[in-house]
Amino acid sequence: MAASHNQKSGFHARSRSFPTRPNPIITQLDEHLCRSRASEGASTSSSLGCKVSSLQDLHDCVSKLLLLPLNQQAIAQENTGKLIDELLDGSLQVLDLCNTAKDALLQTKESAHELQSNLRRRCCGETGLANEVKKYLTSRKVVKRTIHQALKRRRTSTLMNRIKRAVSPLYPGQFYVMEQYPVQRLSLKCLDY
């Protein structure tokens, strides 16, 4: 009986040691990137608002990915406190950029609606209409300046490098796509609106 027990424990049944499908968070991340690329051509205020919310969703996915147990374990083993602080600072910068872009879009939309309503009413006369157009152009300049300042403050390229350094050993080949995310293109379309 003991001999038969030793024979059975001598060989092991095969098991799958790799996941059959990628993590759902990575799938979500890919979906958000695909959606953002699909809506790249449109430049209306509603599509820009969707792009900003898509950027926030992308930020949430990256945050969830960093909170996975495997990633947390690797972070704890590597003792990368400084890197984590840099990643968190970068995440806050991206979130701040999203909020700035959203506020700028709302301000532009409000001033455009105000100008349209004054054009429809035509109650102001020519000088009043000229003043309304000047107000609209001034608000656009303020929005452009705000967006330019926000873009100067952010350092997305270094953030992406930090994310890649932190996560690429855990998920090789998954984060090369994040470099191609059109944050700069999104901001330029905000300025052209």
Protein backbone atom coordinates (compact mmCIF):
# COMPACT_ATOMS: atom_id res chain seq x y z
CA MET A 1 0.00 0.00 0.00
CA ALA A 2 2.81 2.39 0.85
CA ALA A 3 4.51 1.57 -2.44
CA SER A 4 1.39 2.40 -4.42
CA HIS A 5 1.04 5.68 -2.51
CA ASN A 6 4.64 6.63 -3.40
CA GLN A 7 4.00 5.86 -7.06
CA LYS A 8 0.93 8.11 -7.14
CA SER A 9 2.70 11.03 -5.53
CA GLY A 10 5.58 10.63 -7.99
CA PHE A 11 3.79 12.34 -10.81
CA HIS A 12 1.69 15.44 -10.87
CA ALA A 13 -1.36 16.26 -12.86
CA ARG A 14 -0.98 19.18 -15.23
CA SER A 15 -2.62 22.39 -14.28
CA ARG A 16 -2.96 25.74 -15.92
CA SER A 17 -0.52 28.13 -14.41
CA PHE A 18 -1.46 31.09 -16.59
CA PRO A 19 -4.76 32.94 -16.76
CA THR A 20 -6.97 32.10 -19.71
CA ARG A 21 -7.91 35.74 -20.20
CA PRO A 22 -6.37 39.03 -19.13
CA ASN A 23 -7.41 40.84 -16.01
CA PRO A 24 -10.77 42.62 -16.46
CA ILE A 25 -9.18 45.92 -15.46
CA ILE A 26 -6.69 45.63 -18.32
CA THR A 27 -9.58 44.84 -20.65
CA GLN A 28 -11.40 47.95 -19.39
CA LEU A 29 -8.25 50.00 -19.91
CA ASP A 30 -8.01 48.80 -23.51
CA GLU A 31 -11.70 49.57 -24.09
CA HIS A 32 -11.29 53.12 -22.77
CA LEU A 33 -8.29 53.65 -25.04
CA CYS A 34 -10.19 52.32 -28.06
CA ARG A 35 -13.18 54.56 -27.29
CA SER A 36 -10.96 57.60 -26.97
CA ARG A 37 -9.28 56.86 -30.28
CA ALA A 38 -12.64 56.32 -31.99
CA SER A 39 -13.89 59.74 -30.90
CA GLU A 40 -10.66 61.50 -31.81
CA GLY A 41 -11.96 63.27 -34.94
CA ALA A 42 -14.93 65.08 -33.42
CA SER A 43 -14.36 68.46 -31.83
CA THR A 44 -17.75 69.60 -30.53
CA SER A 45 -18.09 70.64 -26.92
CA SER A 46 -20.08 67.51 -26.04
CA SER A 47 -17.48 65.23 -27.62
CA LEU A 48 -14.71 67.09 -25.79
CA GLY A 49 -16.62 66.60 -22.55
CA CYS A 50 -16.84 62.89 -23.36
CA LYS A 51 -13.10 62.83 -24.00
CA VAL A 52 -12.40 64.42 -20.64
CA SER A 53 -14.64 61.91 -18.87
CA SER A 54 -12.93 59.14 -20.86
CA LEU A 55 -9.59 60.42 -19.58
CA GLN A 56 -10.95 60.31 -16.04
CA ASP A 57 -12.16 56.73 -16.61
CA LEU A 58 -8.69 55.84 -17.87
CA HIS A 59 -7.20 57.37 -14.73
CA ASP A 60 -9.59 55.30 -12.59
CA CYS A 61 -8.58 52.10 -14.42
CA VAL A 62 -4.89 52.80 -13.83
CA SER A 63 -5.65 53.45 -10.16
CA LYS A 64 -7.55 50.15 -9.90
CA LEU A 65 -4.71 48.36 -11.65
CA LEU A 66 -2.22 49.68 -9.14
CA LEU A 67 -4.45 48.43 -6.31
CA LEU A 68 -4.45 44.81 -7.50
CA PRO A 69 -2.97 42.41 -4.91
CA LEU A 70 -0.15 41.27 -7.19
CA ASN A 71 0.87 44.86 -7.84
CA GLN A 72 0.60 45.77 -4.17
CA GLN A 73 2.78 42.79 -3.31
CA ALA A 74 5.40 43.76 -5.87
CA ILE A 75 5.34 47.35 -4.68
CA ALA A 76 5.81 46.24 -1.08
CA GLN A 77 8.70 43.94 -2.02
CA GLU A 78 10.48 46.55 -4.08
CA ASN A 79 10.25 49.18 -1.35
CA THR A 80 9.46 51.86 -3.88
CA GLY A 81 7.92 54.48 -1.63
CA LYS A 82 9.44 57.34 -3.58
CA LEU A 83 8.13 55.92 -6.85
CA ILE A 84 4.66 55.51 -5.37
CA ASP A 85 4.68 59.12 -4.20
CA GLU A 86 5.70 60.23 -7.69
CA LEU A 87 2.93 58.13 -9.23
CA LEU A 88 0.36 59.57 -6.87
CA ASP A 89 1.56 63.10 -7.59
CA GLY A 90 1.34 62.40 -11.31
CA SER A 91 -2.14 60.95 -10.93
CA LEU A 92 -3.23 64.08 -9.09
CA GLN A 93 -1.75 66.22 -11.85
CA VAL A 94 -3.71 64.31 -14.49
CA LEU A 95 -6.89 64.58 -12.44
CA ASP A 96 -6.27 68.30 -11.96
CA LEU A 97 -5.81 68.64 -15.72
CA CYS A 98 -9.13 66.85 -16.28
CA ASN A 99 -10.91 69.21 -13.89
CA THR A 100 -9.32 72.26 -15.52
CA ALA A 101 -10.34 71.07 -18.98
CA LYS A 102 -13.88 70.35 -17.81
CA ASP A 103 -14.18 73.81 -16.22
CA ALA A 104 -12.81 75.42 -19.37
CA LEU A 105 -15.32 73.56 -21.52
CA LEU A 106 -18.19 74.61 -19.29
CA GLN A 107 -17.07 78.24 -19.35
CA THR A 108 -16.74 78.19 -23.14
CA LYS A 109 -20.13 76.57 -23.53
CA GLU A 110 -21.79 79.14 -21.24
CA SER A 111 -20.23 82.10 -23.03
CA ALA A 112 -21.19 80.64 -26.42
CA HIS A 113 -24.80 80.18 -25.28
CA GLU A 114 -24.87 83.73 -23.93
CA LEU A 115 -23.58 85.10 -27.24
CA GLN A 116 -26.10 83.01 -29.20
CA SER A 117 -29.00 84.21 -27.10
CA ASN A 118 -27.92 87.84 -27.54
CA LEU A 119 -27.63 87.31 -31.29
CA ARG A 120 -31.14 85.85 -31.39
CA ARG A 121 -32.65 88.67 -29.35
CA ARG A 122 -30.74 91.46 -31.09
CA CYS A 123 -31.81 93.74 -28.29
CA CYS A 124 -28.39 95.23 -27.68
CA GLY A 125 -27.88 97.12 -30.92
CA GLU A 126 -24.59 97.15 -32.78
CA THR A 127 -22.47 98.47 -29.94
CA GLY A 128 -24.02 96.05 -27.46
CA LEU A 129 -23.48 93.20 -29.90
CA ALA A 130 -19.85 94.23 -30.38
CA ASN A 131 -19.42 94.25 -26.60
CA GLU A 132 -20.93 90.75 -26.36
CA VAL A 133 -18.55 89.47 -29.05
CA LYS A 134 -15.63 91.07 -27.19
CA LYS A 135 -16.77 89.38 -23.96
CA TYR A 136 -16.91 86.03 -25.77
CA LEU A 137 -13.45 86.47 -27.30
CA THR A 138 -12.05 87.55 -23.93
CA SER A 139 -13.50 84.47 -22.26
CA ARG A 140 -11.92 82.30 -24.96
CA LYS A 141 -8.55 83.94 -24.32
CA VAL A 142 -8.93 83.27 -20.59
CA VAL A 143 -9.81 79.63 -21.30
CA LYS A 144 -6.83 79.23 -23.64
CA ARG A 145 -4.50 80.78 -21.07
CA THR A 146 -5.86 78.52 -18.33
CA ILE A 147 -5.40 75.41 -20.46
CA HIS A 148 -1.87 76.45 -21.46
CA GLN A 149 -0.96 76.99 -17.82
CA ALA A 150 -2.41 73.60 -16.87
CA LEU A 151 -0.45 71.94 -19.67
CA LYS A 152 2.75 73.58 -18.49
CA ARG A 153 2.17 72.33 -14.96
CA ARG A 154 1.60 68.77 -15.96
CA ARG A 155 4.38 66.41 -16.83
CA THR A 156 2.47 63.60 -18.48
CA SER A 157 5.46 62.14 -20.28
CA THR A 158 7.34 61.64 -17.04
CA LEU A 159 4.17 60.27 -15.45
CA MET A 160 3.84 57.68 -18.21
CA ASN A 161 7.49 56.71 -17.77
CA ARG A 162 6.93 56.29 -14.03
CA ILE A 163 3.85 54.15 -14.60
CA LYS A 164 5.75 52.02 -17.10
CA ARG A 165 8.69 51.60 -14.71
CA ALA A 166 6.40 50.59 -11.86
CA VAL A 167 4.02 48.29 -13.70
CA SER A 168 5.77 46.96 -16.79
CA PRO A 169 7.67 44.24 -14.88
CA LEU A 170 4.31 42.95 -13.69
CA TYR A 171 2.43 43.23 -17.00
CA PRO A 172 4.97 43.31 -19.81
CA GLY A 173 3.64 44.80 -23.02
CA GLN A 174 0.42 46.16 -21.52
CA PHE A 175 1.30 49.81 -20.99
CA TYR A 176 2.95 50.73 -24.25
CA VAL A 177 -0.50 51.87 -25.39
CA MET A 178 -0.75 54.52 -22.68
CA GLU A 179 2.06 56.49 -24.27
CA GLN A 180 -0.06 56.87 -27.36
CA TYR A 181 -3.08 58.30 -25.51
CA PRO A 182 -3.83 61.64 -27.15
CA VAL A 183 -3.86 63.94 -24.10
CA GLN A 184 -1.98 66.65 -25.98
CA ARG A 185 -4.30 66.31 -28.97
CA LEU A 186 -7.31 66.57 -26.65
CA SER A 187 -6.00 69.79 -25.14
CA LEU A 188 -5.27 71.31 -28.54
CA LYS A 189 -8.81 70.57 -29.69
CA CYS A 190 -10.10 72.33 -26.57
CA LEU A 191 -8.11 75.37 -27.59
CA ASP A 192 -9.36 75.32 -31.18
CA TYR A 193 -13.02 75.14 -30.23
